[in-house]
Each structure stands twice: as structure tokens, then as C-alpha cells.
Amino acid sequence: MMGIEELYIRIKKLFGVVDGYLDNKALGSIFKMCRLKPLDVLLAKDKSPKTNLYTHWVDEWHNSLMITSNKRIRLVMNDLSIPIPVKTDIYGGLSIGRTARISKLVYATPGCEWVAFLGIDNYLRAFIRMDEYEPCSPLSLRMEHLYRLEEHKDDTCSQQIYGSSIIILPASKEMIYDLDAHILWDAITKDGV
């Protein structure tokens, strides 16, 4: 299987097709941040995808995002129709602490149940709080949160709060403790980073 950068060089124009078809300039960026790939391109033997609208996109967690004929997005979690592994994240196995270290933005949902890190490579890595923080699909955050992340991916401000969702740039102990999210900070610093 080809690497993520080679794959995205080949499908870069396809993000623009999605943006144009759905008349939404943020979606292509969200697709790339979540490392979505068109299933038809992954299955095809042709190494040069045509600049068409691909309607079935998959992530590394066997989830699908489908574009319907009425220009809606349908999310299918744990999609059993995906026949091949699509792992392309070279940092996918890192702990939450090491992930935080290579990230430029931290986004936490209410109660810090879900936490997403936008890496310096502009890819999202998400975690869900179980007994400890476990890696999960960025699509688990739902589109509302992904749009907010996309909107602020290039910000340099220190903190923004939307209701109880939090964007923190960069992650610092003081900011996280001020937001009473010390469980998150303890998880981030657990492995000594």
C-alpha cells in the first residue's frame, strides 16, 4: 500500500471536487485532517485517480463517510463493507502524551470525554476517555466538532471556549487546569513528556 503523502498527492484534487459538489469549502480540509480516503481509489489498480466525485470515503478505523445523492453526508461507524485495512498514520500508535507533544492544537468536548489533537502534520488524532484515554476515530467527534476544529486549525490564539467545548493552543498545564480538566492533563503527562 502507498504511504499517506503519496496517496494524498494523488487524491488532492478530489478534496476540491467534494468542496465544489457540496458547496462547502471546509469539507475537503476535514476529509484530509481525518485521513479519509475514497474507497474506490484504494481498491482500484489504477494509480492515478480520475478527478471525479467519489462518494464513499473511509478512515483508518473502518468508518465511512458517504455523500448521498441529495448532497448530504452520512456517517457509518464500524462499516463492515470496507474490505481492506487503510492504516496510513505513522504516529497512530503513540500515547496521548506523545501525541500532545507533536500537536499544535488540542480540542476537548464537554467533560473532556473526547479529545482531539491536530498534529504539526495537520492530521487529527482523537482519544476517548474510558478508564484511560484510548485512541479512536476523529469521526467519533461528530461533524459539528470537526467543523470547529477546521475553522481554527491555523489560529495562534491561546484559548477559545464554545459552550463547553474547548480549543487550546498550545496545550499548557495552566490552561488545562483552569478549565478543570486535570484528568486530561494527567493523562497527557503520564508518560513523562
C-alpha atoms as a PDB file:
ATOM      1  CA  MET A   1       0.000   0.000   0.000  1.00  0.00           C
ATOM      2  CA  MET A   2       1.229   3.522  -0.764  1.00  0.00           C
ATOM      3  CA  GLY A   3       2.127   5.957   2.028  1.00  0.00           C
ATOM      4  CA  ILE A   4      -0.179   8.724   3.159  1.00  0.00           C
ATOM      5  CA  GLU A   5       1.732  11.580   1.490  1.00  0.00           C
ATOM      6  CA  GLU A   6       1.908   9.745  -1.840  1.00  0.00           C
ATOM      7  CA  LEU A   7      -1.769   8.882  -1.553  1.00  0.00           C
ATOM      8  CA  TYR A   8      -2.763  12.462  -0.752  1.00  0.00           C
ATOM      9  CA  ILE A   9      -0.664  13.860  -3.605  1.00  0.00           C
ATOM     10  CA  ARG A  10      -2.697  11.615  -5.889  1.00  0.00           C
ATOM     11  CA  ILE A  11      -6.082  12.498  -4.416  1.00  0.00           C
ATOM     12  CA  LYS A  12      -5.517  16.185  -3.527  1.00  0.00           C
ATOM     13  CA  LYS A  13      -7.775  17.388  -6.355  1.00  0.00           C
ATOM     14  CA  LEU A  14     -10.554  15.119  -5.098  1.00  0.00           C
ATOM     15  CA  PHE A  15     -10.914  17.204  -1.934  1.00  0.00           C
ATOM     16  CA  GLY A  16     -11.709  20.210  -4.133  1.00  0.00           C
ATOM     17  CA  VAL A  17     -14.309  18.187  -6.034  1.00  0.00           C
ATOM     18  CA  VAL A  18     -16.025  17.369  -2.717  1.00  0.00           C
ATOM     19  CA  ASP A  19     -15.902  21.048  -1.673  1.00  0.00           C
ATOM     20  CA  GLY A  20     -17.387  22.154  -5.007  1.00  0.00           C
ATOM     21  CA  TYR A  21     -20.091  19.489  -5.178  1.00  0.00           C
ATOM     22  CA  LEU A  22     -21.300  20.133  -1.637  1.00  0.00           C
ATOM     23  CA  ASP A  23     -20.618  23.900  -1.855  1.00  0.00           C
ATOM     24  CA  ASN A  24     -18.687  23.698   1.401  1.00  0.00           C
ATOM     25  CA  LYS A  25     -15.061  24.807   1.431  1.00  0.00           C
ATOM     26  CA  ALA A  26     -14.355  23.191   4.818  1.00  0.00           C
ATOM     27  CA  LEU A  27     -15.149  19.588   3.925  1.00  0.00           C
ATOM     28  CA  GLY A  28     -12.062  18.839   1.850  1.00  0.00           C
ATOM     29  CA  SER A  29      -9.909  20.066   4.708  1.00  0.00           C
ATOM     30  CA  ILE A  30     -11.874  17.943   7.204  1.00  0.00           C
ATOM     31  CA  PHE A  31     -11.518  14.910   4.941  1.00  0.00           C
ATOM     32  CA  LYS A  32      -7.754  15.400   4.880  1.00  0.00           C
ATOM     33  CA  MET A  33      -7.465  16.116   8.637  1.00  0.00           C
ATOM     34  CA  CYS A  34      -9.330  12.848   9.335  1.00  0.00           C
ATOM     35  CA  ARG A  35      -7.197  10.965   6.792  1.00  0.00           C
ATOM     36  CA  LEU A  36     -10.257   9.949   4.765  1.00  0.00           C
ATOM     37  CA  LYS A  37      -9.611   8.172   1.503  1.00  0.00           C
ATOM     38  CA  PRO A  38     -12.004   7.312  -1.327  1.00  0.00           C
ATOM     39  CA  LEU A  39     -12.689   3.585  -1.114  1.00  0.00           C
ATOM     40  CA  ASP A  40     -12.839   3.220  -4.904  1.00  0.00           C
ATOM     41  CA  VAL A  41      -9.306   4.654  -5.209  1.00  0.00           C
ATOM     42  CA  LEU A  42      -7.971   2.312  -2.520  1.00  0.00           C
ATOM     43  CA  LEU A  43      -9.487  -0.688  -4.299  1.00  0.00           C
ATOM     44  CA  ALA A  44      -8.533   0.395  -7.832  1.00  0.00           C
ATOM     45  CA  LYS A  45      -5.441  -0.854  -9.566  1.00  0.00           C
ATOM     46  CA  ASP A  46      -5.189   2.481 -11.375  1.00  0.00           C
ATOM     47  CA  LYS A  47      -2.570   4.537  -9.548  1.00  0.00           C
ATOM     48  CA  SER A  48      -3.864   7.846 -10.936  1.00  0.00           C
ATOM     49  CA  PRO A  49      -7.397   8.533  -9.712  1.00  0.00           C
ATOM     50  CA  LYS A  50      -9.630  10.432 -12.066  1.00  0.00           C
ATOM     51  CA  THR A  51     -10.904  13.809 -10.919  1.00  0.00           C
ATOM     52  CA  ASN A  52     -14.404  12.539 -10.246  1.00  0.00           C
ATOM     53  CA  LEU A  53     -16.693  12.852  -7.283  1.00  0.00           C
ATOM     54  CA  TYR A  54     -16.073   9.838  -5.091  1.00  0.00           C
ATOM     55  CA  THR A  55     -18.985   9.287  -2.725  1.00  0.00           C
ATOM     56  CA  HIS A  56     -17.622   6.641  -0.346  1.00  0.00           C
ATOM     57  CA  TRP A  57     -14.724   7.764   1.868  1.00  0.00           C
ATOM     58  CA  VAL A  58     -13.160   5.640   4.617  1.00  0.00           C
ATOM     59  CA  ASP A  59     -10.985   6.281   7.629  1.00  0.00           C
ATOM     60  CA  GLU A  60      -8.421   4.150   9.455  1.00  0.00           C
ATOM     61  CA  TRP A  61     -10.954   2.828  11.943  1.00  0.00           C
ATOM     62  CA  HIS A  62     -13.260   1.198   9.364  1.00  0.00           C
ATOM     63  CA  ASN A  63     -15.732   4.067   9.404  1.00  0.00           C
ATOM     64  CA  SER A  64     -17.283   5.527   6.283  1.00  0.00           C
ATOM     65  CA  LEU A  65     -18.422   8.949   5.289  1.00  0.00           C
ATOM     66  CA  MET A  66     -20.768   8.783   2.316  1.00  0.00           C
ATOM     67  CA  ILE A  67     -22.006  11.608   0.141  1.00  0.00           C
ATOM     68  CA  THR A  68     -25.625  10.967  -0.776  1.00  0.00           C
ATOM     69  CA  SER A  69     -27.413  11.934  -3.987  1.00  0.00           C
ATOM     70  CA  ASN A  70     -29.207  14.787  -2.183  1.00  0.00           C
ATOM     71  CA  LYS A  71     -25.819  16.268  -1.143  1.00  0.00           C
ATOM     72  CA  ARG A  72     -25.945  15.116   2.444  1.00  0.00           C
ATOM     73  CA  ILE A  73     -23.241  13.396   4.431  1.00  0.00           C
ATOM     74  CA  ARG A  74     -23.977  10.036   6.022  1.00  0.00           C
ATOM     75  CA  LEU A  75     -21.601   8.607   8.586  1.00  0.00           C
ATOM     76  CA  VAL A  76     -21.368   4.832   9.026  1.00  0.00           C
ATOM     77  CA  MET A  77     -19.366   3.761  12.051  1.00  0.00           C
ATOM     78  CA  ASN A  78     -17.774   0.278  12.009  1.00  0.00           C
ATOM     79  CA  ASP A  79     -18.560  -0.158   8.313  1.00  0.00           C
ATOM     80  CA  LEU A  80     -18.272  -3.856   7.510  1.00  0.00           C
ATOM     81  CA  SER A  81     -18.256  -3.138   3.763  1.00  0.00           C
ATOM     82  CA  ILE A  82     -14.634  -1.926   3.920  1.00  0.00           C
ATOM     83  CA  PRO A  83     -12.651  -4.956   2.734  1.00  0.00           C
ATOM     84  CA  ILE A  84      -9.076  -3.767   3.267  1.00  0.00           C
ATOM     85  CA  PRO A  85      -7.074  -2.125   6.038  1.00  0.00           C
ATOM     86  CA  VAL A  86      -6.437   1.553   5.385  1.00  0.00           C
ATOM     87  CA  LYS A  87      -3.854   2.408   8.073  1.00  0.00           C
ATOM     88  CA  THR A  88      -1.635   5.286   6.965  1.00  0.00           C
ATOM     89  CA  ASP A  89      -0.878   7.184  10.176  1.00  0.00           C
ATOM     90  CA  ILE A  90       2.753   6.710  11.144  1.00  0.00           C
ATOM     91  CA  TYR A  91       2.017   8.281  14.543  1.00  0.00           C
ATOM     92  CA  GLY A  92      -1.142   6.257  15.175  1.00  0.00           C
ATOM     93  CA  GLY A  93       0.278   4.123  17.966  1.00  0.00           C
ATOM     94  CA  LEU A  94       1.580   6.951  20.143  1.00  0.00           C
ATOM     95  CA  SER A  95       0.303   7.551  23.661  1.00  0.00           C
ATOM     96  CA  ILE A  96      -1.864  10.590  24.350  1.00  0.00           C
ATOM     97  CA  GLY A  97       1.151  12.331  25.902  1.00  0.00           C
ATOM     98  CA  ARG A  98       3.406  11.777  22.920  1.00  0.00           C
ATOM     99  CA  THR A  99       0.559  12.741  20.591  1.00  0.00           C
ATOM    100  CA  ALA A 100       0.160  16.020  22.510  1.00  0.00           C
ATOM    101  CA  ARG A 101       3.862  16.682  22.112  1.00  0.00           C
ATOM    102  CA  ILE A 102       3.663  16.588  18.292  1.00  0.00           C
ATOM    103  CA  SER A 103       0.463  18.641  18.160  1.00  0.00           C
ATOM    104  CA  LYS A 104      -0.265  22.298  17.646  1.00  0.00           C
ATOM    105  CA  LEU A 105      -3.877  22.313  18.834  1.00  0.00           C
ATOM    106  CA  VAL A 106      -5.905  20.482  21.472  1.00  0.00           C
ATOM    107  CA  TYR A 107      -9.686  20.276  21.257  1.00  0.00           C
ATOM    108  CA  ALA A 108     -11.785  18.843  24.071  1.00  0.00           C
ATOM    109  CA  THR A 109     -15.511  18.136  24.108  1.00  0.00           C
ATOM    110  CA  PRO A 110     -17.620  18.776  27.232  1.00  0.00           C
ATOM    111  CA  GLY A 111     -16.172  16.957  30.229  1.00  0.00           C
ATOM    112  CA  CYS A 112     -13.110  16.054  28.142  1.00  0.00           C
ATOM    113  CA  GLU A 113     -14.822  12.808  27.078  1.00  0.00           C
ATOM    114  CA  TRP A 114     -13.303  13.164  23.606  1.00  0.00           C
ATOM    115  CA  VAL A 115     -10.031  14.906  22.941  1.00  0.00           C
ATOM    116  CA  ALA A 116      -8.563  15.625  19.522  1.00  0.00           C
ATOM    117  CA  PHE A 117      -5.051  16.766  18.728  1.00  0.00           C
ATOM    118  CA  LEU A 118      -4.231  18.480  15.465  1.00  0.00           C
ATOM    119  CA  GLY A 119      -0.670  17.445  14.742  1.00  0.00           C
ATOM    120  CA  ILE A 120       2.043  19.591  13.275  1.00  0.00           C
ATOM    121  CA  ASP A 121       1.404  17.486  10.138  1.00  0.00           C
ATOM    122  CA  ASN A 122      -2.228  18.801  10.101  1.00  0.00           C
ATOM    123  CA  TYR A 123      -3.761  15.364  10.778  1.00  0.00           C
ATOM    124  CA  LEU A 124      -6.180  14.748  13.628  1.00  0.00           C
ATOM    125  CA  ARG A 125      -5.633  12.121  16.273  1.00  0.00           C
ATOM    126  CA  ALA A 126      -8.527  11.555  18.655  1.00  0.00           C
ATOM    127  CA  PHE A 127      -8.919   9.874  22.022  1.00  0.00           C
ATOM    128  CA  ILE A 128     -11.962   8.868  24.052  1.00  0.00           C
ATOM    129  CA  ARG A 129     -11.935   8.621  27.811  1.00  0.00           C
ATOM    130  CA  MET A 130     -12.703   5.118  29.029  1.00  0.00           C
ATOM    131  CA  ASP A 131     -10.807   4.021  32.146  1.00  0.00           C
ATOM    132  CA  GLU A 132      -7.917   5.800  30.431  1.00  0.00           C
ATOM    133  CA  TYR A 133      -7.784   7.745  27.182  1.00  0.00           C
ATOM    134  CA  GLU A 134      -7.923   5.329  24.241  1.00  0.00           C
ATOM    135  CA  PRO A 135      -7.317   6.191  20.570  1.00  0.00           C
ATOM    136  CA  CYS A 136     -10.439   6.489  18.426  1.00  0.00           C
ATOM    137  CA  SER A 137     -11.540   7.767  15.049  1.00  0.00           C
ATOM    138  CA  PRO A 138     -11.653  11.561  14.619  1.00  0.00           C
ATOM    139  CA  LEU A 139     -15.082  10.958  13.059  1.00  0.00           C
ATOM    140  CA  SER A 140     -16.269   9.999  16.573  1.00  0.00           C
ATOM    141  CA  LEU A 141     -16.232  13.715  17.374  1.00  0.00           C
ATOM    142  CA  ARG A 142     -19.158  14.364  15.014  1.00  0.00           C
ATOM    143  CA  MET A 143     -19.199  16.896  12.209  1.00  0.00           C
ATOM    144  CA  GLU A 144     -20.105  19.844  14.473  1.00  0.00           C
ATOM    145  CA  HIS A 145     -16.793  19.497  16.305  1.00  0.00           C
ATOM    146  CA  LEU A 146     -14.826  18.747  13.133  1.00  0.00           C
ATOM    147  CA  TYR A 147     -16.104  21.972  11.548  1.00  0.00           C
ATOM    148  CA  ARG A 148     -14.995  23.909  14.634  1.00  0.00           C
ATOM    149  CA  LEU A 149     -11.555  22.311  14.510  1.00  0.00           C
ATOM    150  CA  GLU A 150     -11.224  23.089  10.808  1.00  0.00           C
ATOM    151  CA  GLU A 151     -12.246  26.685  11.414  1.00  0.00           C
ATOM    152  CA  HIS A 152      -9.467  27.178  13.981  1.00  0.00           C
ATOM    153  CA  LYS A 153      -6.714  24.929  12.601  1.00  0.00           C
ATOM    154  CA  ASP A 154      -4.482  27.879  11.728  1.00  0.00           C
ATOM    155  CA  ASP A 155      -5.209  30.026  14.785  1.00  0.00           C
ATOM    156  CA  THR A 156      -2.423  31.181  17.049  1.00  0.00           C
ATOM    157  CA  CYS A 157      -4.554  32.431  19.951  1.00  0.00           C
ATOM    158  CA  SER A 158      -4.244  30.775  23.310  1.00  0.00           C
ATOM    159  CA  GLN A 159      -7.750  29.579  24.119  1.00  0.00           C
ATOM    160  CA  GLN A 160     -11.323  29.650  22.854  1.00  0.00           C
ATOM    161  CA  ILE A 161     -14.382  28.247  24.547  1.00  0.00           C
ATOM    162  CA  TYR A 162     -17.645  27.379  22.743  1.00  0.00           C
ATOM    163  CA  GLY A 163     -20.255  26.314  25.261  1.00  0.00           C
ATOM    164  CA  SER A 164     -18.281  23.623  26.997  1.00  0.00           C
ATOM    165  CA  SER A 165     -16.093  22.662  24.020  1.00  0.00           C
ATOM    166  CA  ILE A 166     -12.564  23.941  24.351  1.00  0.00           C
ATOM    167  CA  ILE A 167      -9.820  24.795  21.883  1.00  0.00           C
ATOM    168  CA  ILE A 168      -6.412  25.257  23.446  1.00  0.00           C
ATOM    169  CA  LEU A 169      -3.298  26.440  21.600  1.00  0.00           C
ATOM    170  CA  PRO A 170      -0.804  25.125  22.617  1.00  0.00           C
ATOM    171  CA  ALA A 171      -1.583  22.701  25.427  1.00  0.00           C
ATOM    172  CA  SER A 172      -0.326  24.092  28.699  1.00  0.00           C
ATOM    173  CA  LYS A 173      -0.839  22.837  32.224  1.00  0.00           C
ATOM    174  CA  GLU A 174      -2.174  26.179  33.455  1.00  0.00           C
ATOM    175  CA  MET A 175      -4.873  26.449  30.805  1.00  0.00           C
ATOM    176  CA  ILE A 176      -5.999  22.865  31.181  1.00  0.00           C
ATOM    177  CA  TYR A 177      -6.129  23.103  34.987  1.00  0.00           C
ATOM    178  CA  ASP A 178      -8.022  26.418  34.766  1.00  0.00           C
ATOM    179  CA  LEU A 179     -10.670  24.566  32.768  1.00  0.00           C
ATOM    180  CA  ASP A 180     -10.868  21.873  35.472  1.00  0.00           C
ATOM    181  CA  ALA A 181      -9.641  19.267  33.015  1.00  0.00           C
ATOM    182  CA  HIS A 182      -6.869  17.932  35.240  1.00  0.00           C
ATOM    183  CA  ILE A 183      -7.718  14.310  34.329  1.00  0.00           C
ATOM    184  CA  LEU A 184      -6.792  15.192  30.734  1.00  0.00           C
ATOM    185  CA  TRP A 185      -3.555  16.876  31.820  1.00  0.00           C
ATOM    186  CA  ASP A 186      -2.620  13.905  33.997  1.00  0.00           C
ATOM    187  CA  ALA A 187      -3.206  11.576  31.021  1.00  0.00           C
ATOM    188  CA  ILE A 188      -1.118  13.769  28.710  1.00  0.00           C
ATOM    189  CA  THR A 189       1.812  13.906  31.135  1.00  0.00           C
ATOM    190  CA  LYS A 190       1.589  10.283  32.322  1.00  0.00           C
ATOM    191  CA  ASP A 191       4.465   9.047  30.179  1.00  0.00           C
ATOM    192  CA  GLY A 192       6.792  11.844  31.197  1.00  0.00           C
ATOM    193  CA  VAL A 193       6.527  14.121  28.180  1.00  0.00           C
END
